[in-house]
Amino acid sequence: MDTILTEIEEFCAKHQLRESRFGREAVNDTSFVPGLREGREPRRRTVQRVQQFMAAYAASADARAPRERGVAA
């Protein structure tokens, strides 16, 4: 569980996402990250869903990055 919390914290910092927004977009729960800090144990399926969200978001951000910097892709 600590691993997924660390991954989420690093992801949010890298992508400048508030934890509440991350929770809402990833699992439709704005209190998801604070709950993890308080000892909440996510189900395996929830962890998979979070990891899939992060992978898709990162891929989308990488695809947008050249356009946002004015570089042709």
PDB file of N, CA and C in Angstrom:
ATOM      1  N   MET A   1       0.824  -1.191   0.000  1.00  0.00           N
ATOM      2  CA  MET A   1       0.000   0.000   0.000  1.00  0.00           C
ATOM      3  C   MET A   1       0.867   1.254   0.000  1.00  0.00           C
ATOM      4  N   ASP A   2       1.953   1.251   0.757  1.00  0.00           N
ATOM      5  CA  ASP A   2       2.838   2.410   0.771  1.00  0.00           C
ATOM      6  C   ASP A   2       3.390   2.690  -0.618  1.00  0.00           C
ATOM      7  N   THR A   3       3.611   1.627  -1.384  1.00  0.00           N
ATOM      8  CA  THR A   3       4.155   1.792  -2.727  1.00  0.00           C
ATOM      9  C   THR A   3       3.186   2.566  -3.605  1.00  0.00           C
ATOM     10  N   ILE A   4       1.920   2.202  -3.598  1.00  0.00           N
ATOM     11  CA  ILE A   4       0.954   2.896  -4.452  1.00  0.00           C
ATOM     12  C   ILE A   4       0.788   4.345  -3.990  1.00  0.00           C
ATOM     13  N   LEU A   5       0.819   4.590  -2.706  1.00  0.00           N
ATOM     14  CA  LEU A   5       0.718   5.961  -2.203  1.00  0.00           C
ATOM     15  C   LEU A   5       1.916   6.780  -2.686  1.00  0.00           C
ATOM     16  N   THR A   6       3.093   6.218  -2.612  1.00  0.00           N
ATOM     17  CA  THR A   6       4.293   6.905  -3.094  1.00  0.00           C
ATOM     18  C   THR A   6       4.198   7.179  -4.586  1.00  0.00           C
ATOM     19  N   GLU A   7       3.735   6.193  -5.339  1.00  0.00           N
ATOM     20  CA  GLU A   7       3.571   6.381  -6.787  1.00  0.00           C
ATOM     21  C   GLU A   7       2.605   7.523  -7.083  1.00  0.00           C
ATOM     22  N   ILE A   8       1.514   7.554  -6.357  1.00  0.00           N
ATOM     23  CA  ILE A   8       0.502   8.602  -6.563  1.00  0.00           C
ATOM     24  C   ILE A   8       1.077   9.972  -6.214  1.00  0.00           C
ATOM     25  N   GLU A   9       1.763  10.067  -5.089  1.00  0.00           N
ATOM     26  CA  GLU A   9       2.340  11.353  -4.679  1.00  0.00           C
ATOM     27  C   GLU A   9       3.343  11.862  -5.708  1.00  0.00           C
ATOM     28  N   GLU A  10       4.191  10.971  -6.206  1.00  0.00           N
ATOM     29  CA  GLU A  10       5.172  11.360  -7.216  1.00  0.00           C
ATOM     30  C   GLU A  10       4.484  11.761  -8.515  1.00  0.00           C
ATOM     31  N   PHE A  11       3.452  11.013  -8.886  1.00  0.00           N
ATOM     32  CA  PHE A  11       2.690  11.301 -10.096  1.00  0.00           C
ATOM     33  C   PHE A  11       2.035  12.677  -9.997  1.00  0.00           C
ATOM     34  N   CYS A  12       1.404  12.943  -8.878  1.00  0.00           N
ATOM     35  CA  CYS A  12       0.726  14.236  -8.697  1.00  0.00           C
ATOM     36  C   CYS A  12       1.733  15.388  -8.743  1.00  0.00           C
ATOM     37  N   ALA A  13       2.885  15.196  -8.137  1.00  0.00           N
ATOM     38  CA  ALA A  13       3.905  16.243  -8.168  1.00  0.00           C
ATOM     39  C   ALA A  13       4.405  16.471  -9.593  1.00  0.00           C
ATOM     40  N   LYS A  14       4.675  15.402 -10.302  1.00  0.00           N
ATOM     41  CA  LYS A  14       5.190  15.510 -11.671  1.00  0.00           C
ATOM     42  C   LYS A  14       4.194  16.196 -12.604  1.00  0.00           C
ATOM     43  N   HIS A  15       2.928  15.844 -12.472  1.00  0.00           N
ATOM     44  CA  HIS A  15       1.904  16.361 -13.378  1.00  0.00           C
ATOM     45  C   HIS A  15       1.131  17.546 -12.802  1.00  0.00           C
ATOM     46  N   GLN A  16       1.581  18.027 -11.652  1.00  0.00           N
ATOM     47  CA  GLN A  16       0.966  19.176 -10.988  1.00  0.00           C
ATOM     48  C   GLN A  16      -0.545  18.998 -10.824  1.00  0.00           C
ATOM     49  N   LEU A  17      -0.908  17.853 -10.289  1.00  0.00           N
ATOM     50  CA  LEU A  17      -2.310  17.541 -10.017  1.00  0.00           C
ATOM     51  C   LEU A  17      -2.557  17.601  -8.517  1.00  0.00           C
ATOM     52  N   ARG A  18      -3.661  18.182  -8.142  1.00  0.00           N
ATOM     53  CA  ARG A  18      -4.067  18.107  -6.739  1.00  0.00           C
ATOM     54  C   ARG A  18      -4.506  16.684  -6.457  1.00  0.00           C
ATOM     55  N   GLU A  19      -4.265  16.241  -5.257  1.00  0.00           N
ATOM     56  CA  GLU A  19      -4.621  14.867  -4.892  1.00  0.00           C
ATOM     57  C   GLU A  19      -6.118  14.636  -4.978  1.00  0.00           C
ATOM     58  N   SER A  20      -6.904  15.640  -4.680  1.00  0.00           N
ATOM     59  CA  SER A  20      -8.360  15.477  -4.779  1.00  0.00           C
ATOM     60  C   SER A  20      -8.786  15.282  -6.232  1.00  0.00           C
ATOM     61  N   ARG A  21      -8.159  16.013  -7.135  1.00  0.00           N
ATOM     62  CA  ARG A  21      -8.482  15.845  -8.556  1.00  0.00           C
ATOM     63  C   ARG A  21      -8.034  14.458  -9.027  1.00  0.00           C
ATOM     64  N   PHE A  22      -6.848  14.053  -8.590  1.00  0.00           N
ATOM     65  CA  PHE A  22      -6.366  12.726  -8.951  1.00  0.00           C
ATOM     66  C   PHE A  22      -7.384  11.673  -8.522  1.00  0.00           C
ATOM     67  N   GLY A  23      -7.816  11.747  -7.274  1.00  0.00           N
ATOM     68  CA  GLY A  23      -8.779  10.773  -6.768  1.00  0.00           C
ATOM     69  C   GLY A  23     -10.078  10.772  -7.537  1.00  0.00           C
ATOM     70  N   ARG A  24     -10.567  11.964  -7.867  1.00  0.00           N
ATOM     71  CA  ARG A  24     -11.813  12.071  -8.622  1.00  0.00           C
ATOM     72  C   ARG A  24     -11.667  11.460 -10.006  1.00  0.00           C
ATOM     73  N   GLU A  25     -10.583  11.783 -10.696  1.00  0.00           N
ATOM     74  CA  GLU A  25     -10.404  11.284 -12.053  1.00  0.00           C
ATOM     75  C   GLU A  25     -10.040   9.801 -12.104  1.00  0.00           C
ATOM     76  N   ALA A  26      -9.273   9.342 -11.144  1.00  0.00           N
ATOM     77  CA  ALA A  26      -8.815   7.949 -11.168  1.00  0.00           C
ATOM     78  C   ALA A  26      -9.869   6.972 -10.652  1.00  0.00           C
ATOM     79  N   VAL A  27     -10.519   7.321  -9.534  1.00  0.00           N
ATOM     80  CA  VAL A  27     -11.445   6.370  -8.904  1.00  0.00           C
ATOM     81  C   VAL A  27     -12.752   7.008  -8.443  1.00  0.00           C
ATOM     82  N   ASN A  28     -12.991   8.242  -8.893  1.00  0.00           N
ATOM     83  CA  ASN A  28     -14.221   8.953  -8.533  1.00  0.00           C
ATOM     84  C   ASN A  28     -14.386   9.108  -7.019  1.00  0.00           C
ATOM     85  N   ASP A  29     -13.274   9.456  -6.357  1.00  0.00           N
ATOM     86  CA  ASP A  29     -13.286   9.610  -4.901  1.00  0.00           C
ATOM     87  C   ASP A  29     -12.249  10.656  -4.516  1.00  0.00           C
ATOM     88  N   THR A  30     -12.698  11.856  -4.195  1.00  0.00           N
ATOM     89  CA  THR A  30     -11.762  12.933  -3.868  1.00  0.00           C
ATOM     90  C   THR A  30     -10.982  12.682  -2.578  1.00  0.00           C
ATOM     91  N   SER A  31     -11.458  11.791  -1.736  1.00  0.00           N
ATOM     92  CA  SER A  31     -10.756  11.507  -0.482  1.00  0.00           C
ATOM     93  C   SER A  31      -9.908  10.230  -0.565  1.00  0.00           C
ATOM     94  N   PHE A  32      -9.681   9.749  -1.773  1.00  0.00           N
ATOM     95  CA  PHE A  32      -8.933   8.505  -1.951  1.00  0.00           C
ATOM     96  C   PHE A  32      -7.508   8.593  -1.387  1.00  0.00           C
ATOM     97  N   VAL A  33      -6.749   9.622  -1.770  1.00  0.00           N
ATOM     98  CA  VAL A  33      -5.349   9.731  -1.326  1.00  0.00           C
ATOM     99  C   VAL A  33      -5.264   9.980   0.179  1.00  0.00           C
ATOM    100  N   PRO A  34      -6.034  10.923   0.734  1.00  0.00           N
ATOM    101  CA  PRO A  34      -5.988  11.073   2.190  1.00  0.00           C
ATOM    102  C   PRO A  34      -6.374   9.777   2.915  1.00  0.00           C
ATOM    103  N   GLY A  35      -7.313   9.046   2.340  1.00  0.00           N
ATOM    104  CA  GLY A  35      -7.698   7.770   2.936  1.00  0.00           C
ATOM    105  C   GLY A  35      -6.554   6.780   2.964  1.00  0.00           C
ATOM    106  N   LEU A  36      -5.759   6.755   1.911  1.00  0.00           N
ATOM    107  CA  LEU A  36      -4.590   5.873   1.891  1.00  0.00           C
ATOM    108  C   LEU A  36      -3.615   6.254   3.000  1.00  0.00           C
ATOM    109  N   ARG A  37      -3.432   7.552   3.188  1.00  0.00           N
ATOM    110  CA  ARG A  37      -2.528   8.019   4.250  1.00  0.00           C
ATOM    111  C   ARG A  37      -3.028   7.612   5.634  1.00  0.00           C
ATOM    112  N   GLU A  38      -4.328   7.508   5.760  1.00  0.00           N
ATOM    113  CA  GLU A  38      -4.914   7.152   7.054  1.00  0.00           C
ATOM    114  C   GLU A  38      -5.002   5.643   7.258  1.00  0.00           C
ATOM    115  N   GLY A  39      -4.480   4.883   6.318  1.00  0.00           N
ATOM    116  CA  GLY A  39      -4.449   3.440   6.489  1.00  0.00           C
ATOM    117  C   GLY A  39      -5.440   2.657   5.646  1.00  0.00           C
ATOM    118  N   ARG A  40      -6.200   3.339   4.829  1.00  0.00           N
ATOM    119  CA  ARG A  40      -7.155   2.651   3.945  1.00  0.00           C
ATOM    120  C   ARG A  40      -6.398   1.689   3.040  1.00  0.00           C
ATOM    121  N   GLU A  41      -6.900   0.488   2.910  1.00  0.00           N
ATOM    122  CA  GLU A  41      -6.294  -0.537   2.069  1.00  0.00           C
ATOM    123  C   GLU A  41      -7.111  -0.701   0.794  1.00  0.00           C
ATOM    124  N   PRO A  42      -6.572  -0.267  -0.334  1.00  0.00           N
ATOM    125  CA  PRO A  42      -7.335  -0.411  -1.583  1.00  0.00           C
ATOM    126  C   PRO A  42      -7.346  -1.858  -2.052  1.00  0.00           C
ATOM    127  N   ARG A  43      -8.394  -2.223  -2.741  1.00  0.00           N
ATOM    128  CA  ARG A  43      -8.468  -3.554  -3.340  1.00  0.00           C
ATOM    129  C   ARG A  43      -7.489  -3.630  -4.502  1.00  0.00           C
ATOM    130  N   ARG A  44      -7.125  -4.836  -4.845  1.00  0.00           N
ATOM    131  CA  ARG A  44      -6.204  -5.054  -5.954  1.00  0.00           C
ATOM    132  C   ARG A  44      -6.741  -4.412  -7.236  1.00  0.00           C
ATOM    133  N   ARG A  45      -8.024  -4.554  -7.483  1.00  0.00           N
ATOM    134  CA  ARG A  45      -8.640  -3.991  -8.686  1.00  0.00           C
ATOM    135  C   ARG A  45      -8.538  -2.460  -8.679  1.00  0.00           C
ATOM    136  N   THR A  46      -8.676  -1.856  -7.508  1.00  0.00           N
ATOM    137  CA  THR A  46      -8.555  -0.405  -7.408  1.00  0.00           C
ATOM    138  C   THR A  46      -7.131   0.034  -7.703  1.00  0.00           C
ATOM    139  N   VAL A  47      -6.164  -0.688  -7.196  1.00  0.00           N
ATOM    140  CA  VAL A  47      -4.760  -0.381  -7.480  1.00  0.00           C
ATOM    141  C   VAL A  47      -4.503  -0.486  -8.978  1.00  0.00           C
ATOM    142  N   GLN A  48      -5.039  -1.512  -9.611  1.00  0.00           N
ATOM    143  CA  GLN A  48      -4.871  -1.672 -11.055  1.00  0.00           C
ATOM    144  C   GLN A  48      -5.512  -0.501 -11.806  1.00  0.00           C
ATOM    145  N   ARG A  49      -6.676  -0.101 -11.366  1.00  0.00           N
ATOM    146  CA  ARG A  49      -7.391   1.018 -11.991  1.00  0.00           C
ATOM    147  C   ARG A  49      -6.578   2.308 -11.869  1.00  0.00           C
ATOM    148  N   VAL A  50      -5.996   2.524 -10.702  1.00  0.00           N
ATOM    149  CA  VAL A  50      -5.167   3.714 -10.469  1.00  0.00           C
ATOM    150  C   VAL A  50      -3.937   3.675 -11.375  1.00  0.00           C
ATOM    151  N   GLN A  51      -3.296   2.533 -11.470  1.00  0.00           N
ATOM    152  CA  GLN A  51      -2.110   2.416 -12.310  1.00  0.00           C
ATOM    153  C   GLN A  51      -2.447   2.607 -13.783  1.00  0.00           C
ATOM    154  N   GLN A  52      -3.583   2.099 -14.203  1.00  0.00           N
ATOM    155  CA  GLN A  52      -4.019   2.301 -15.590  1.00  0.00           C
ATOM    156  C   GLN A  52      -4.299   3.779 -15.859  1.00  0.00           C
ATOM    157  N   PHE A  53      -4.936   4.437 -14.906  1.00  0.00           N
ATOM    158  CA  PHE A  53      -5.199   5.863 -15.044  1.00  0.00           C
ATOM    159  C   PHE A  53      -3.889   6.635 -15.193  1.00  0.00           C
ATOM    160  N   MET A  54      -2.912   6.340 -14.325  1.00  0.00           N
ATOM    161  CA  MET A  54      -1.641   7.064 -14.374  1.00  0.00           C
ATOM    162  C   MET A  54      -0.923   6.825 -15.703  1.00  0.00           C
ATOM    163  N   ALA A  55      -0.945   5.606 -16.197  1.00  0.00           N
ATOM    164  CA  ALA A  55      -0.289   5.307 -17.472  1.00  0.00           C
ATOM    165  C   ALA A  55      -0.960   6.059 -18.618  1.00  0.00           C
ATOM    166  N   ALA A  56      -2.271   6.054 -18.645  1.00  0.00           N
ATOM    167  CA  ALA A  56      -3.002   6.744 -19.713  1.00  0.00           C
ATOM    168  C   ALA A  56      -2.808   8.252 -19.620  1.00  0.00           C
ATOM    169  N   TYR A  57      -2.844   8.790 -18.429  1.00  0.00           N
ATOM    170  CA  TYR A  57      -2.666  10.232 -18.236  1.00  0.00           C
ATOM    171  C   TYR A  57      -1.269  10.653 -18.664  1.00  0.00           C
ATOM    172  N   ALA A  58      -0.267   9.886 -18.261  1.00  0.00           N
ATOM    173  CA  ALA A  58       1.118  10.202 -18.616  1.00  0.00           C
ATOM    174  C   ALA A  58       1.312  10.138 -20.127  1.00  0.00           C
ATOM    175  N   ALA A  59       0.739   9.124 -20.772  1.00  0.00           N
ATOM    176  CA  ALA A  59       0.861   9.000 -22.228  1.00  0.00           C
ATOM    177  C   ALA A  59       0.197  10.189 -22.916  1.00  0.00           C
ATOM    178  N   SER A  60      -0.938  10.596 -22.426  1.00  0.00           N
ATOM    179  CA  SER A  60      -1.647  11.742 -22.982  1.00  0.00           C
ATOM    180  C   SER A  60      -0.839  13.021 -22.772  1.00  0.00           C
ATOM    181  N   ALA A  61      -0.263  13.180 -21.601  1.00  0.00           N
ATOM    182  CA  ALA A  61       0.547  14.367 -21.312  1.00  0.00           C
ATOM    183  C   ALA A  61       1.780  14.395 -22.198  1.00  0.00           C
ATOM    184  N   ASP A  62       2.400  13.244 -22.422  1.00  0.00           N
ATOM    185  CA  ASP A  62       3.575  13.176 -23.286  1.00  0.00           C
ATOM    186  C   ASP A  62       3.214  13.539 -24.721  1.00  0.00           C
ATOM    187  N   ALA A  63       2.049  13.126 -25.162  1.00  0.00           N
ATOM    188  CA  ALA A  63       1.606  13.425 -26.522  1.00  0.00           C
ATOM    189  C   ALA A  63       1.293  14.920 -26.680  1.00  0.00           C
ATOM    190  N   ARG A  64       0.790  15.544 -25.619  1.00  0.00           N
ATOM    191  CA  ARG A  64       0.452  16.967 -25.672  1.00  0.00           C
ATOM    192  C   ARG A  64       1.681  17.853 -25.552  1.00  0.00           C
ATOM    193  N   ALA A  65       2.711  17.390 -24.887  1.00  0.00           N
ATOM    194  CA  ALA A  65       3.868  18.216 -24.553  1.00  0.00           C
ATOM    195  C   ALA A  65       4.504  18.910 -25.749  1.00  0.00           C
ATOM    196  N   PRO A  66       4.789  18.236 -26.864  1.00  0.00           N
ATOM    197  CA  PRO A  66       5.413  18.946 -27.989  1.00  0.00           C
ATOM    198  C   PRO A  66       4.524  20.062 -28.550  1.00  0.00           C
ATOM    199  N   ARG A  67       3.237  19.848 -28.619  1.00  0.00           N
ATOM    200  CA  ARG A  67       2.323  20.872 -29.120  1.00  0.00           C
ATOM    201  C   ARG A  67       2.270  22.078 -28.185  1.00  0.00           C
ATOM    202  N   GLU A  68       2.298  21.806 -26.897  1.00  0.00           N
ATOM    203  CA  GLU A  68       2.220  22.895 -25.920  1.00  0.00           C
ATOM    204  C   GLU A  68       3.481  23.733 -25.941  1.00  0.00           C
ATOM    205  N   ARG A  69       4.595  23.144 -26.322  1.00  0.00           N
ATOM    206  CA  ARG A  69       5.856  23.894 -26.406  1.00  0.00           C
ATOM    207  C   ARG A  69       6.045  24.523 -27.785  1.00  0.00           C
ATOM    208  N   GLY A  70       5.084  24.278 -28.697  1.00  0.00           N
ATOM    209  CA  GLY A  70       5.179  24.848 -30.025  1.00  0.00           C
ATOM    210  C   GLY A  70       6.081  24.060 -30.960  1.00  0.00           C
ATOM    211  N   VAL A  71       6.325  22.795 -30.638  1.00  0.00           N
ATOM    212  CA  VAL A  71       7.165  21.932 -31.451  1.00  0.00           C
ATOM    213  C   VAL A  71       6.283  21.021 -32.275  1.00  0.00           C
ATOM    214  N   ALA A  72       6.571  20.885 -33.536  1.00  0.00           N
ATOM    215  CA  ALA A  72       5.787  19.985 -34.393  1.00  0.00           C
ATOM    216  C   ALA A  72       6.101  18.554 -34.020  1.00  0.00           C
ATOM    217  N   ALA A  73       5.067  17.749 -33.954  1.00  0.00           N
ATOM    218  CA  ALA A  73       5.244  16.335 -33.579  1.00  0.00           C
ATOM    219  C   ALA A  73       5.587  15.498 -34.782  1.00  0.00           C
TER     220      ALA A  73
END
